[in-house]
């Protein structure tokens, strides 16, 4: 017998929705006070600092790790913050940022040489 979604899980899901929903509005407000690339650098640094201190380094080459950090920190968020600084709305930015999924899949297929196959 399945009693349904536990209340704790429902509340956690609603918390994620609330944080995600307000995230881009807060970014838009912050961009009124900070330049976009400085804000992206501060956000990336403040998010990475606890991870660097508390988690072990991934078992990848330093160059790959640095490239990932630059592409996500500057390429994704830096460019998004520049766009949000007067060019697109927070709602549109949240939709555009989700396109990263398709770009990630496409780039992974390109660099790994894998192709879609029927199973």
PDB file of N, CA and C in Angstrom:
ATOM      1  N   UNK A   1       0.844  -1.169   0.000  1.00  0.00           N
ATOM      2  CA  UNK A   1       0.000   0.000   0.000  1.00  0.00           C
ATOM      3  C   UNK A   1       0.897   1.242   0.000  1.00  0.00           C
ATOM      4  N   UNK A   2       0.631   2.201  -0.901  1.00  0.00           N
ATOM      5  CA  UNK A   2       1.414   3.417  -1.020  1.00  0.00           C
ATOM      6  C   UNK A   2       0.633   4.579  -0.412  1.00  0.00           C
ATOM      7  N   UNK A   3       1.098   5.114   0.726  1.00  0.00           N
ATOM      8  CA  UNK A   3       0.341   6.183   1.388  1.00  0.00           C
ATOM      9  C   UNK A   3       0.442   7.532   0.675  1.00  0.00           C
ATOM     10  N   UNK A   4       1.270   7.641  -0.339  1.00  0.00           N
ATOM     11  CA  UNK A   4       1.434   8.908  -1.040  1.00  0.00           C
ATOM     12  C   UNK A   4       2.730   9.583  -0.651  1.00  0.00           C
ATOM     13  N   UNK A   5       2.864  10.802  -1.080  1.00  0.00           N
ATOM     14  CA  UNK A   5       4.070  11.577  -0.831  1.00  0.00           C
ATOM     15  C   UNK A   5       4.129  11.991   0.634  1.00  0.00           C
ATOM     16  N   UNK A   6       5.226  11.647   1.318  1.00  0.00           N
ATOM     17  CA  UNK A   6       5.343  12.071   2.714  1.00  0.00           C
ATOM     18  C   UNK A   6       5.360  13.601   2.813  1.00  0.00           C
ATOM     19  N   UNK A   7       4.823  14.123   3.884  1.00  0.00           N
ATOM     20  CA  UNK A   7       4.746  15.565   4.089  1.00  0.00           C
ATOM     21  C   UNK A   7       6.120  16.209   4.027  1.00  0.00           C
ATOM     22  N   UNK A   8       7.114  15.561   4.589  1.00  0.00           N
ATOM     23  CA  UNK A   8       8.479  16.107   4.568  1.00  0.00           C
ATOM     24  C   UNK A   8       8.972  16.287   3.133  1.00  0.00           C
ATOM     25  N   UNK A   9       8.720  15.326   2.278  1.00  0.00           N
ATOM     26  CA  UNK A   9       9.155  15.404   0.880  1.00  0.00           C
ATOM     27  C   UNK A   9       8.393  16.498   0.136  1.00  0.00           C
ATOM     28  N   UNK A  10       7.111  16.619   0.423  1.00  0.00           N
ATOM     29  CA  UNK A  10       6.318  17.677  -0.193  1.00  0.00           C
ATOM     30  C   UNK A  10       6.848  19.053   0.204  1.00  0.00           C
ATOM     31  N   UNK A  11       7.162  19.235   1.480  1.00  0.00           N
ATOM     32  CA  UNK A  11       7.684  20.517   1.951  1.00  0.00           C
ATOM     33  C   UNK A  11       9.057  20.814   1.350  1.00  0.00           C
ATOM     34  N   UNK A  12       9.900  19.793   1.211  1.00  0.00           N
ATOM     35  CA  UNK A  12      11.194  19.990   0.571  1.00  0.00           C
ATOM     36  C   UNK A  12      11.033  20.386  -0.900  1.00  0.00           C
ATOM     37  N   UNK A  13      10.112  19.751  -1.593  1.00  0.00           N
ATOM     38  CA  UNK A  13       9.859  20.098  -2.997  1.00  0.00           C
ATOM     39  C   UNK A  13       9.349  21.532  -3.110  1.00  0.00           C
ATOM     40  N   UNK A  14       8.464  21.928  -2.228  1.00  0.00           N
ATOM     41  CA  UNK A  14       7.958  23.304  -2.242  1.00  0.00           C
ATOM     42  C   UNK A  14       9.059  24.308  -1.907  1.00  0.00           C
ATOM     43  N   UNK A  15       9.991  23.927  -1.035  1.00  0.00           N
ATOM     44  CA  UNK A  15      11.113  24.811  -0.718  1.00  0.00           C
ATOM     45  C   UNK A  15      12.010  25.007  -1.937  1.00  0.00           C
ATOM     46  N   UNK A  16      12.262  23.945  -2.677  1.00  0.00           N
ATOM     47  CA  UNK A  16      13.072  24.055  -3.897  1.00  0.00           C
ATOM     48  C   UNK A  16      12.377  24.966  -4.902  1.00  0.00           C
ATOM     49  N   UNK A  17      11.082  24.801  -5.073  1.00  0.00           N
ATOM     50  CA  UNK A  17      10.322  25.646  -6.003  1.00  0.00           C
ATOM     51  C   UNK A  17      10.380  27.107  -5.558  1.00  0.00           C
ATOM     52  N   UNK A  18      10.250  27.353  -4.263  1.00  0.00           N
ATOM     53  CA  UNK A  18      10.279  28.728  -3.752  1.00  0.00           C
ATOM     54  C   UNK A  18      11.655  29.361  -3.961  1.00  0.00           C
ATOM     55  N   UNK A  19      12.710  28.620  -3.668  1.00  0.00           N
ATOM     56  CA  UNK A  19      14.059  29.156  -3.852  1.00  0.00           C
ATOM     57  C   UNK A  19      14.319  29.406  -5.330  1.00  0.00           C
ATOM     58  N   UNK A  20      13.971  28.447  -6.176  1.00  0.00           N
ATOM     59  CA  UNK A  20      14.198  28.607  -7.620  1.00  0.00           C
ATOM     60  C   UNK A  20      13.369  29.772  -8.158  1.00  0.00           C
ATOM     61  N   UNK A  21      12.144  29.889  -7.707  1.00  0.00           N
ATOM     62  CA  UNK A  21      11.268  30.939  -8.200  1.00  0.00           C
ATOM     63  C   UNK A  21      11.706  32.334  -7.814  1.00  0.00           C
ATOM     64  N   UNK A  22      12.327  32.482  -6.666  1.00  0.00           N
ATOM     65  CA  UNK A  22      12.768  33.807  -6.227  1.00  0.00           C
ATOM     66  C   UNK A  22      14.221  34.094  -6.582  1.00  0.00           C
ATOM     67  N   UNK A  23      14.960  33.095  -6.954  1.00  0.00           N
ATOM     68  CA  UNK A  23      16.383  33.235  -7.254  1.00  0.00           C
ATOM     69  C   UNK A  23      16.659  34.309  -8.300  1.00  0.00           C
ATOM     70  N   UNK A  24      15.936  34.275  -9.404  1.00  0.00           N
ATOM     71  CA  UNK A  24      16.217  35.195 -10.498  1.00  0.00           C
ATOM     72  C   UNK A  24      15.734  36.617 -10.195  1.00  0.00           C
ATOM     73  N   UNK A  25      14.715  36.743  -9.362  1.00  0.00           N
ATOM     74  CA  UNK A  25      14.279  38.075  -8.937  1.00  0.00           C
ATOM     75  C   UNK A  25      15.347  38.708  -8.052  1.00  0.00           C
ATOM     76  N   UNK A  26      15.925  37.923  -7.152  1.00  0.00           N
ATOM     77  CA  UNK A  26      16.998  38.425  -6.286  1.00  0.00           C
ATOM     78  C   UNK A  26      18.223  38.791  -7.127  1.00  0.00           C
ATOM     79  N   UNK A  27      18.530  37.987  -8.133  1.00  0.00           N
ATOM     80  CA  UNK A  27      19.650  38.302  -9.025  1.00  0.00           C
ATOM     81  C   UNK A  27      19.408  39.642  -9.707  1.00  0.00           C
ATOM     82  N   UNK A  28      18.198  39.852 -10.202  1.00  0.00           N
ATOM     83  CA  UNK A  28      17.873  41.109 -10.880  1.00  0.00           C
ATOM     84  C   UNK A  28      18.043  42.295  -9.925  1.00  0.00           C
ATOM     85  N   UNK A  29      17.636  42.146  -8.681  1.00  0.00           N
ATOM     86  CA  UNK A  29      17.812  43.214  -7.697  1.00  0.00           C
ATOM     87  C   UNK A  29      19.291  43.469  -7.422  1.00  0.00           C
ATOM     88  N   UNK A  30      20.063  42.408  -7.298  1.00  0.00           N
ATOM     89  CA  UNK A  30      21.503  42.551  -7.027  1.00  0.00           C
ATOM     90  C   UNK A  30      22.223  43.218  -8.185  1.00  0.00           C
ATOM     91  N   UNK A  31      21.766  42.971  -9.403  1.00  0.00           N
ATOM     92  CA  UNK A  31      22.405  43.576 -10.571  1.00  0.00           C
ATOM     93  C   UNK A  31      22.190  45.079 -10.627  1.00  0.00           C
ATOM     94  N   UNK A  32      21.245  45.590  -9.851  1.00  0.00           N
ATOM     95  CA  UNK A  32      21.066  47.033  -9.739  1.00  0.00           C
ATOM     96  C   UNK A  32      22.164  47.685  -8.919  1.00  0.00           C
ATOM     97  N   UNK A  33      22.943  46.870  -8.180  1.00  0.00           N
ATOM     98  CA  UNK A  33      23.984  47.396  -7.299  1.00  0.00           C
ATOM     99  C   UNK A  33      25.395  46.964  -7.681  1.00  0.00           C
ATOM    100  N   UNK A  34      25.510  45.882  -8.446  1.00  0.00           N
ATOM    101  CA  UNK A  34      26.830  45.350  -8.803  1.00  0.00           C
ATOM    102  C   UNK A  34      26.925  45.141 -10.312  1.00  0.00           C
ATOM    103  N   UNK A  35      28.127  45.297 -10.871  1.00  0.00           N
ATOM    104  CA  UNK A  35      28.307  44.939 -12.284  1.00  0.00           C
ATOM    105  C   UNK A  35      28.104  43.433 -12.486  1.00  0.00           C
ATOM    106  N   UNK A  36      27.578  43.024 -13.628  1.00  0.00           N
ATOM    107  CA  UNK A  36      27.220  41.615 -13.842  1.00  0.00           C
ATOM    108  C   UNK A  36      28.371  40.630 -13.642  1.00  0.00           C
ATOM    109  N   UNK A  37      29.547  40.901 -14.205  1.00  0.00           N
ATOM    110  CA  UNK A  37      30.643  39.936 -14.093  1.00  0.00           C
ATOM    111  C   UNK A  37      31.222  39.897 -12.678  1.00  0.00           C
ATOM    112  N   UNK A  38      31.222  41.023 -11.979  1.00  0.00           N
ATOM    113  CA  UNK A  38      31.646  41.023 -10.579  1.00  0.00           C
ATOM    114  C   UNK A  38      30.670  40.211  -9.745  1.00  0.00           C
ATOM    115  N   UNK A  39      29.389  40.390  -9.996  1.00  0.00           N
ATOM    116  CA  UNK A  39      28.377  39.624  -9.267  1.00  0.00           C
ATOM    117  C   UNK A  39      28.526  38.127  -9.535  1.00  0.00           C
ATOM    118  N   UNK A  40      28.783  37.752 -10.791  1.00  0.00           N
ATOM    119  CA  UNK A  40      28.987  36.339 -11.126  1.00  0.00           C
ATOM    120  C   UNK A  40      30.216  35.785 -10.413  1.00  0.00           C
ATOM    121  N   UNK A  41      31.298  36.574 -10.376  1.00  0.00           N
ATOM    122  CA  UNK A  41      32.518  36.130  -9.695  1.00  0.00           C
ATOM    123  C   UNK A  41      32.282  35.965  -8.199  1.00  0.00           C
ATOM    124  N   UNK A  42      31.585  36.912  -7.589  1.00  0.00           N
ATOM    125  CA  UNK A  42      31.285  36.801  -6.155  1.00  0.00           C
ATOM    126  C   UNK A  42      30.400  35.600  -5.863  1.00  0.00           C
ATOM    127  N   UNK A  43      29.390  35.406  -6.677  1.00  0.00           N
ATOM    128  CA  UNK A  43      28.484  34.277  -6.472  1.00  0.00           C
ATOM    129  C   UNK A  43      29.222  32.948  -6.618  1.00  0.00           C
ATOM    130  N   UNK A  44      30.040  32.839  -7.659  1.00  0.00           N
ATOM    131  CA  UNK A  44      30.791  31.609  -7.888  1.00  0.00           C
ATOM    132  C   UNK A  44      31.773  31.357  -6.742  1.00  0.00           C
ATOM    133  N   UNK A  45      32.470  32.396  -6.307  1.00  0.00           N
ATOM    134  CA  UNK A  45      33.444  32.260  -5.215  1.00  0.00           C
ATOM    135  C   UNK A  45      32.764  31.858  -3.921  1.00  0.00           C
ATOM    136  N   UNK A  46      31.667  32.516  -3.580  1.00  0.00           N
ATOM    137  CA  UNK A  46      30.970  32.197  -2.328  1.00  0.00           C
ATOM    138  C   UNK A  46      30.340  30.811  -2.365  1.00  0.00           C
ATOM    139  N   UNK A  47      29.967  30.341  -3.540  1.00  0.00           N
ATOM    140  CA  UNK A  47      29.412  28.992  -3.654  1.00  0.00           C
ATOM    141  C   UNK A  47      30.515  27.935  -3.645  1.00  0.00           C
ATOM    142  N   UNK A  48      31.665  28.258  -4.246  1.00  0.00           N
ATOM    143  CA  UNK A  48      32.751  27.283  -4.352  1.00  0.00           C
ATOM    144  C   UNK A  48      33.570  27.172  -3.068  1.00  0.00           C
ATOM    145  N   UNK A  49      33.656  28.257  -2.316  1.00  0.00           N
ATOM    146  CA  UNK A  49      34.520  28.260  -1.130  1.00  0.00           C
ATOM    147  C   UNK A  49      34.192  27.138  -0.144  1.00  0.00           C
ATOM    148  N   UNK A  50      32.932  26.952   0.241  1.00  0.00           N
ATOM    149  CA  UNK A  50      32.658  25.831   1.157  1.00  0.00           C
ATOM    150  C   UNK A  50      32.993  24.475   0.526  1.00  0.00           C
ATOM    151  N   UNK A  51      32.728  24.323  -0.773  1.00  0.00           N
ATOM    152  CA  UNK A  51      33.011  23.046  -1.431  1.00  0.00           C
ATOM    153  C   UNK A  51      34.505  22.761  -1.452  1.00  0.00           C
ATOM    154  N   UNK A  52      35.314  23.791  -1.720  1.00  0.00           N
ATOM    155  CA  UNK A  52      36.765  23.604  -1.765  1.00  0.00           C
ATOM    156  C   UNK A  52      37.301  23.193  -0.392  1.00  0.00           C
ATOM    157  N   UNK A  53      36.726  23.738   0.647  1.00  0.00           N
ATOM    158  CA  UNK A  53      37.206  23.443   1.996  1.00  0.00           C
ATOM    159  C   UNK A  53      36.678  22.128   2.553  1.00  0.00           C
ATOM    160  N   UNK A  54      35.497  21.709   2.127  1.00  0.00           N
ATOM    161  CA  UNK A  54      34.852  20.554   2.747  1.00  0.00           C
ATOM    162  C   UNK A  54      34.827  19.284   1.904  1.00  0.00           C
ATOM    163  N   UNK A  55      34.964  19.417   0.596  1.00  0.00           N
ATOM    164  CA  UNK A  55      34.858  18.245  -0.276  1.00  0.00           C
ATOM    165  C   UNK A  55      36.202  17.931  -0.921  1.00  0.00           C
ATOM    166  N   UNK A  56      36.466  16.649  -1.175  1.00  0.00           N
ATOM    167  CA  UNK A  56      37.715  16.318  -1.874  1.00  0.00           C
ATOM    168  C   UNK A  56      37.647  16.755  -3.333  1.00  0.00           C
ATOM    169  N   UNK A  57      38.808  17.037  -3.908  1.00  0.00           N
ATOM    170  CA  UNK A  57      38.879  17.436  -5.312  1.00  0.00           C
ATOM    171  C   UNK A  57      38.458  16.261  -6.187  1.00  0.00           C
ATOM    172  N   UNK A  58      37.648  16.521  -7.206  1.00  0.00           N
ATOM    173  CA  UNK A  58      37.259  15.435  -8.120  1.00  0.00           C
ATOM    174  C   UNK A  58      38.484  14.834  -8.808  1.00  0.00           C
ATOM    175  N   UNK A  59      38.389  13.572  -9.164  1.00  0.00           N
ATOM    176  CA  UNK A  59      39.497  12.865  -9.799  1.00  0.00           C
ATOM    177  C   UNK A  59      39.533  13.167 -11.296  1.00  0.00           C
ATOM    178  N   UNK A  60      39.768  14.432 -11.629  1.00  0.00           N
ATOM    179  CA  UNK A  60      39.897  14.873 -13.016  1.00  0.00           C
ATOM    180  C   UNK A  60      41.139  15.747 -13.120  1.00  0.00           C
ATOM    181  N   UNK A  61      41.591  15.940 -14.342  1.00  0.00           N
ATOM    182  CA  UNK A  61      42.768  16.779 -14.555  1.00  0.00           C
ATOM    183  C   UNK A  61      42.463  18.224 -14.152  1.00  0.00           C
ATOM    184  N   UNK A  62      43.499  18.928 -13.685  1.00  0.00           N
ATOM    185  CA  UNK A  62      43.335  20.324 -13.266  1.00  0.00           C
ATOM    186  C   UNK A  62      42.816  21.183 -14.401  1.00  0.00           C
ATOM    187  N   UNK A  63      43.269  20.933 -15.613  1.00  0.00           N
ATOM    188  CA  UNK A  63      42.805  21.708 -16.765  1.00  0.00           C
ATOM    189  C   UNK A  63      41.311  21.550 -17.001  1.00  0.00           C
ATOM    190  N   UNK A  64      40.816  20.308 -16.886  1.00  0.00           N
ATOM    191  CA  UNK A  64      39.380  20.058 -17.048  1.00  0.00           C
ATOM    192  C   UNK A  64      38.579  20.721 -15.940  1.00  0.00           C
ATOM    193  N   UNK A  65      39.098  20.657 -14.721  1.00  0.00           N
ATOM    194  CA  UNK A  65      38.418  21.278 -13.588  1.00  0.00           C
ATOM    195  C   UNK A  65      38.359  22.797 -13.756  1.00  0.00           C
ATOM    196  N   UNK A  66      39.460  23.397 -14.183  1.00  0.00           N
ATOM    197  CA  UNK A  66      39.500  24.843 -14.402  1.00  0.00           C
ATOM    198  C   UNK A  66      38.590  25.235 -15.564  1.00  0.00           C
ATOM    199  N   UNK A  67      38.586  24.448 -16.625  1.00  0.00           N
ATOM    200  CA  UNK A  67      37.716  24.742 -17.772  1.00  0.00           C
ATOM    201  C   UNK A  67      36.251  24.679 -17.361  1.00  0.00           C
ATOM    202  N   UNK A  68      35.900  23.688 -16.570  1.00  0.00           N
ATOM    203  CA  UNK A  68      34.521  23.574 -16.093  1.00  0.00           C
ATOM    204  C   UNK A  68      34.143  24.798 -15.261  1.00  0.00           C
ATOM    205  N   UNK A  69      35.013  25.190 -14.344  1.00  0.00           N
ATOM    206  CA  UNK A  69      34.737  26.351 -13.510  1.00  0.00           C
ATOM    207  C   UNK A  69      34.561  27.617 -14.322  1.00  0.00           C
ATOM    208  N   UNK A  70      35.428  27.819 -15.304  1.00  0.00           N
ATOM    209  CA  UNK A  70      35.319  29.009 -16.147  1.00  0.00           C
ATOM    210  C   UNK A  70      34.062  28.979 -17.014  1.00  0.00           C
ATOM    211  N   UNK A  71      33.760  27.820 -17.585  1.00  0.00           N
ATOM    212  CA  UNK A  71      32.583  27.728 -18.451  1.00  0.00           C
ATOM    213  C   UNK A  71      31.284  27.918 -17.677  1.00  0.00           C
ATOM    214  N   UNK A  72      31.219  27.380 -16.473  1.00  0.00           N
ATOM    215  CA  UNK A  72      30.004  27.553 -15.669  1.00  0.00           C
ATOM    216  C   UNK A  72      29.974  28.939 -15.039  1.00  0.00           C
ATOM    217  N   UNK A  73      31.063  29.332 -14.401  1.00  0.00           N
ATOM    218  CA  UNK A  73      31.095  30.603 -13.687  1.00  0.00           C
ATOM    219  C   UNK A  73      31.012  31.816 -14.587  1.00  0.00           C
ATOM    220  N   UNK A  74      31.792  31.835 -15.654  1.00  0.00           N
ATOM    221  CA  UNK A  74      31.812  32.983 -16.563  1.00  0.00           C
ATOM    222  C   UNK A  74      30.887  32.738 -17.744  1.00  0.00           C
ATOM    223  N   UNK A  75      31.046  31.576 -18.367  1.00  0.00           N
ATOM    224  CA  UNK A  75      30.280  31.296 -19.573  1.00  0.00           C
ATOM    225  C   UNK A  75      28.788  31.243 -19.348  1.00  0.00           C
ATOM    226  N   UNK A  76      28.357  30.565 -18.315  1.00  0.00           N
ATOM    227  CA  UNK A  76      26.921  30.423 -18.088  1.00  0.00           C
ATOM    228  C   UNK A  76      26.379  31.586 -17.262  1.00  0.00           C
ATOM    229  N   UNK A  77      26.869  31.730 -16.043  1.00  0.00           N
ATOM    230  CA  UNK A  77      26.297  32.738 -15.157  1.00  0.00           C
ATOM    231  C   UNK A  77      26.738  34.156 -15.510  1.00  0.00           C
ATOM    232  N   UNK A  78      27.981  34.336 -15.904  1.00  0.00           N
ATOM    233  CA  UNK A  78      28.439  35.671 -16.279  1.00  0.00           C
ATOM    234  C   UNK A  78      27.660  36.235 -17.445  1.00  0.00           C
ATOM    235  N   UNK A  79      27.487  35.428 -18.473  1.00  0.00           N
ATOM    236  CA  UNK A  79      26.738  35.882 -19.649  1.00  0.00           C
ATOM    237  C   UNK A  79      25.260  36.077 -19.305  1.00  0.00           C
ATOM    238  N   UNK A  80      24.716  35.191 -18.468  1.00  0.00           N
ATOM    239  CA  UNK A  80      23.320  35.347 -18.068  1.00  0.00           C
ATOM    240  C   UNK A  80      23.125  36.644 -17.274  1.00  0.00           C
ATOM    241  N   UNK A  81      24.068  36.964 -16.380  1.00  0.00           N
ATOM    242  CA  UNK A  81      23.942  38.190 -15.601  1.00  0.00           C
ATOM    243  C   UNK A  81      24.089  39.419 -16.483  1.00  0.00           C
ATOM    244  N   UNK A  82      24.957  39.357 -17.487  1.00  0.00           N
ATOM    245  CA  UNK A  82      25.065  40.470 -18.437  1.00  0.00           C
ATOM    246  C   UNK A  82      23.728  40.643 -19.165  1.00  0.00           C
ATOM    247  N   UNK A  83      23.122  39.538 -19.575  1.00  0.00           N
ATOM    248  CA  UNK A  83      21.829  39.608 -20.266  1.00  0.00           C
ATOM    249  C   UNK A  83      20.736  40.141 -19.342  1.00  0.00           C
ATOM    250  N   UNK A  84      20.762  39.721 -18.085  1.00  0.00           N
ATOM    251  CA  UNK A  84      19.742  40.185 -17.144  1.00  0.00           C
ATOM    252  C   UNK A  84      19.932  41.646 -16.762  1.00  0.00           C
ATOM    253  N   UNK A  85      21.096  42.178 -17.009  1.00  0.00           N
ATOM    254  CA  UNK A  85      21.368  43.573 -16.663  1.00  0.00           C
ATOM    255  C   UNK A  85      20.793  44.506 -17.733  1.00  0.00           C
ATOM    256  N   UNK A  86      19.499  44.370 -17.990  1.00  0.00           N
ATOM    257  CA  UNK A  86      18.822  45.292 -18.882  1.00  0.00           C
ATOM    258  C   UNK A  86      18.344  44.699 -20.183  1.00  0.00           C
ATOM    259  N   UNK A  87      18.580  43.407 -20.427  1.00  0.00           N
ATOM    260  CA  UNK A  87      18.205  42.842 -21.719  1.00  0.00           C
ATOM    261  C   UNK A  87      17.068  41.826 -21.643  1.00  0.00           C
ATOM    262  N   UNK A  88      17.041  40.992 -20.610  1.00  0.00           N
ATOM    263  CA  UNK A  88      15.967  40.007 -20.491  1.00  0.00           C
ATOM    264  C   UNK A  88      15.412  40.036 -19.074  1.00  0.00           C
ATOM    265  N   UNK A  89      14.191  39.569 -18.921  1.00  0.00           N
ATOM    266  CA  UNK A  89      13.529  39.553 -17.613  1.00  0.00           C
ATOM    267  C   UNK A  89      14.002  38.350 -16.799  1.00  0.00           C
ATOM    268  N   UNK A  90      13.801  38.398 -15.468  1.00  0.00           N
ATOM    269  CA  UNK A  90      14.174  37.242 -14.649  1.00  0.00           C
ATOM    270  C   UNK A  90      13.449  35.962 -15.050  1.00  0.00           C
ATOM    271  N   UNK A  91      12.186  36.069 -15.434  1.00  0.00           N
ATOM    272  CA  UNK A  91      11.443  34.877 -15.854  1.00  0.00           C
ATOM    273  C   UNK A  91      12.012  34.259 -17.109  1.00  0.00           C
ATOM    274  N   UNK A  92      12.348  35.089 -18.077  1.00  0.00           N
ATOM    275  CA  UNK A  92      12.949  34.577 -19.308  1.00  0.00           C
ATOM    276  C   UNK A  92      14.337  34.006 -19.029  1.00  0.00           C
ATOM    277  N   UNK A  93      15.079  34.635 -18.136  1.00  0.00           N
ATOM    278  CA  UNK A  93      16.409  34.120 -17.786  1.00  0.00           C
ATOM    279  C   UNK A  93      16.321  32.724 -17.186  1.00  0.00           C
ATOM    280  N   UNK A  94      15.314  32.485 -16.348  1.00  0.00           N
ATOM    281  CA  UNK A  94      15.183  31.151 -15.753  1.00  0.00           C
ATOM    282  C   UNK A  94      14.877  30.098 -16.807  1.00  0.00           C
ATOM    283  N   UNK A  95      14.135  30.474 -17.854  1.00  0.00           N
ATOM    284  CA  UNK A  95      13.870  29.524 -18.941  1.00  0.00           C
ATOM    285  C   UNK A  95      15.107  29.310 -19.808  1.00  0.00           C
ATOM    286  N   UNK A  96      15.802  30.388 -20.109  1.00  0.00           N
ATOM    287  CA  UNK A  96      16.995  30.286 -20.953  1.00  0.00           C
ATOM    288  C   UNK A  96      18.061  29.435 -20.279  1.00  0.00           C
ATOM    289  N   UNK A  97      18.221  29.603 -18.969  1.00  0.00           N
ATOM    290  CA  UNK A  97      19.278  28.863 -18.263  1.00  0.00           C
ATOM    291  C   UNK A  97      19.008  27.357 -18.293  1.00  0.00           C
ATOM    292  N   UNK A  98      17.738  26.970 -18.425  1.00  0.00           N
ATOM    293  CA  UNK A  98      17.428  25.547 -18.490  1.00  0.00           C
ATOM    294  C   UNK A  98      17.802  24.929 -19.832  1.00  0.00           C
ATOM    295  N   UNK A  99      18.074  25.761 -20.819  1.00  0.00           N
ATOM    296  CA  UNK A  99      18.549  25.243 -22.106  1.00  0.00           C
ATOM    297  C   UNK A  99      19.943  24.631 -21.972  1.00  0.00           C
ATOM    298  N   UNK A 100      20.601  24.888 -20.843  1.00  0.00           N
ATOM    299  CA  UNK A 100      21.921  24.306 -20.626  1.00  0.00           C
ATOM    300  C   UNK A 100      21.878  22.791 -20.723  1.00  0.00           C
ATOM    301  N   UNK A 101      20.762  22.198 -20.391  1.00  0.00           N
ATOM    302  CA  UNK A 101      20.639  20.740 -20.453  1.00  0.00           C
ATOM    303  C   UNK A 101      20.906  20.253 -21.870  1.00  0.00           C
ATOM    304  N   UNK A 102      20.285  20.882 -22.841  1.00  0.00           N
ATOM    305  CA  UNK A 102      20.440  20.445 -24.228  1.00  0.00           C
ATOM    306  C   UNK A 102      21.837  20.753 -24.762  1.00  0.00           C
ATOM    307  N   UNK A 103      22.391  21.914 -24.380  1.00  0.00           N
ATOM    308  CA  UNK A 103      23.753  22.234 -24.790  1.00  0.00           C
ATOM    309  C   UNK A 103      24.746  21.258 -24.162  1.00  0.00           C
ATOM    310  N   UNK A 104      24.526  20.896 -22.907  1.00  0.00           N
ATOM    311  CA  UNK A 104      25.416  19.950 -22.232  1.00  0.00           C
ATOM    312  C   UNK A 104      25.385  18.591 -22.922  1.00  0.00           C
ATOM    313  N   UNK A 105      24.197  18.134 -23.258  1.00  0.00           N
ATOM    314  CA  UNK A 105      24.071  16.846 -23.959  1.00  0.00           C
ATOM    315  C   UNK A 105      24.767  16.914 -25.311  1.00  0.00           C
ATOM    316  N   UNK A 106      24.509  17.980 -26.054  1.00  0.00           N
ATOM    317  CA  UNK A 106      25.121  18.121 -27.375  1.00  0.00           C
ATOM    318  C   UNK A 106      26.636  18.212 -27.315  1.00  0.00           C
ATOM    319  N   UNK A 107      27.156  19.008 -26.400  1.00  0.00           N
ATOM    320  CA  UNK A 107      28.611  19.130 -26.266  1.00  0.00           C
ATOM    321  C   UNK A 107      29.240  17.827 -25.792  1.00  0.00           C
ATOM    322  N   UNK A 108      28.574  17.128 -24.877  1.00  0.00           N
ATOM    323  CA  UNK A 108      29.099  15.840 -24.408  1.00  0.00           C
ATOM    324  C   UNK A 108      29.145  14.830 -25.554  1.00  0.00           C
ATOM    325  N   UNK A 109      28.111  14.829 -26.389  1.00  0.00           N
ATOM    326  CA  UNK A 109      28.106  13.924 -27.543  1.00  0.00           C
ATOM    327  C   UNK A 109      29.221  14.295 -28.517  1.00  0.00           C
ATOM    328  N   UNK A 110      29.420  15.580 -28.740  1.00  0.00           N
ATOM    329  CA  UNK A 110      30.442  16.037 -29.684  1.00  0.00           C
ATOM    330  C   UNK A 110      31.844  15.664 -29.199  1.00  0.00           C
ATOM    331  N   UNK A 111      32.151  15.969 -27.939  1.00  0.00           N
ATOM    332  CA  UNK A 111      33.508  15.744 -27.440  1.00  0.00           C
ATOM    333  C   UNK A 111      33.796  14.277 -27.135  1.00  0.00           C
ATOM    334  N   UNK A 112      32.765  13.508 -26.785  1.00  0.00           N
ATOM    335  CA  UNK A 112      33.010  12.085 -26.475  1.00  0.00           C
ATOM    336  C   UNK A 112      32.870  11.199 -27.707  1.00  0.00           C
ATOM    337  N   UNK A 113      32.278  11.747 -28.763  1.00  0.00           N
ATOM    338  CA  UNK A 113      32.086  10.950 -29.975  1.00  0.00           C
ATOM    339  C   UNK A 113      30.932   9.989 -29.903  1.00  0.00           C
ATOM    340  N   UNK A 114      30.109  10.070 -28.849  1.00  0.00           N
ATOM    341  CA  UNK A 114      28.971   9.180 -28.726  1.00  0.00           C
ATOM    342  C   UNK A 114      27.814   9.679 -29.575  1.00  0.00           C
ATOM    343  N   UNK A 115      26.944   8.762 -29.962  1.00  0.00           N
ATOM    344  CA  UNK A 115      25.768   9.094 -30.759  1.00  0.00           C
ATOM    345  C   UNK A 115      24.544   8.478 -30.102  1.00  0.00           C
ATOM    346  N   UNK A 116      23.381   9.058 -30.396  1.00  0.00           N
ATOM    347  CA  UNK A 116      22.137   8.497 -29.902  1.00  0.00           C
ATOM    348  C   UNK A 116      21.884   7.164 -30.593  1.00  0.00           C
ATOM    349  N   UNK A 117      21.409   6.189 -29.821  1.00  0.00           N
ATOM    350  CA  UNK A 117      21.122   4.871 -30.355  1.00  0.00           C
ATOM    351  C   UNK A 117      19.810   4.374 -29.768  1.00  0.00           C
ATOM    352  N   UNK A 118      19.131   3.573 -30.549  1.00  0.00           N
ATOM    353  CA  UNK A 118      17.935   2.912 -30.014  1.00  0.00           C
ATOM    354  C   UNK A 118      18.385   1.719 -29.198  1.00  0.00           C
ATOM    355  N   UNK A 119      17.709   1.504 -28.092  1.00  0.00           N
ATOM    356  CA  UNK A 119      18.082   0.350 -27.251  1.00  0.00           C
ATOM    357  C   UNK A 119      17.055  -0.728 -27.318  1.00  0.00           C
TER     358      UNK A 119
END
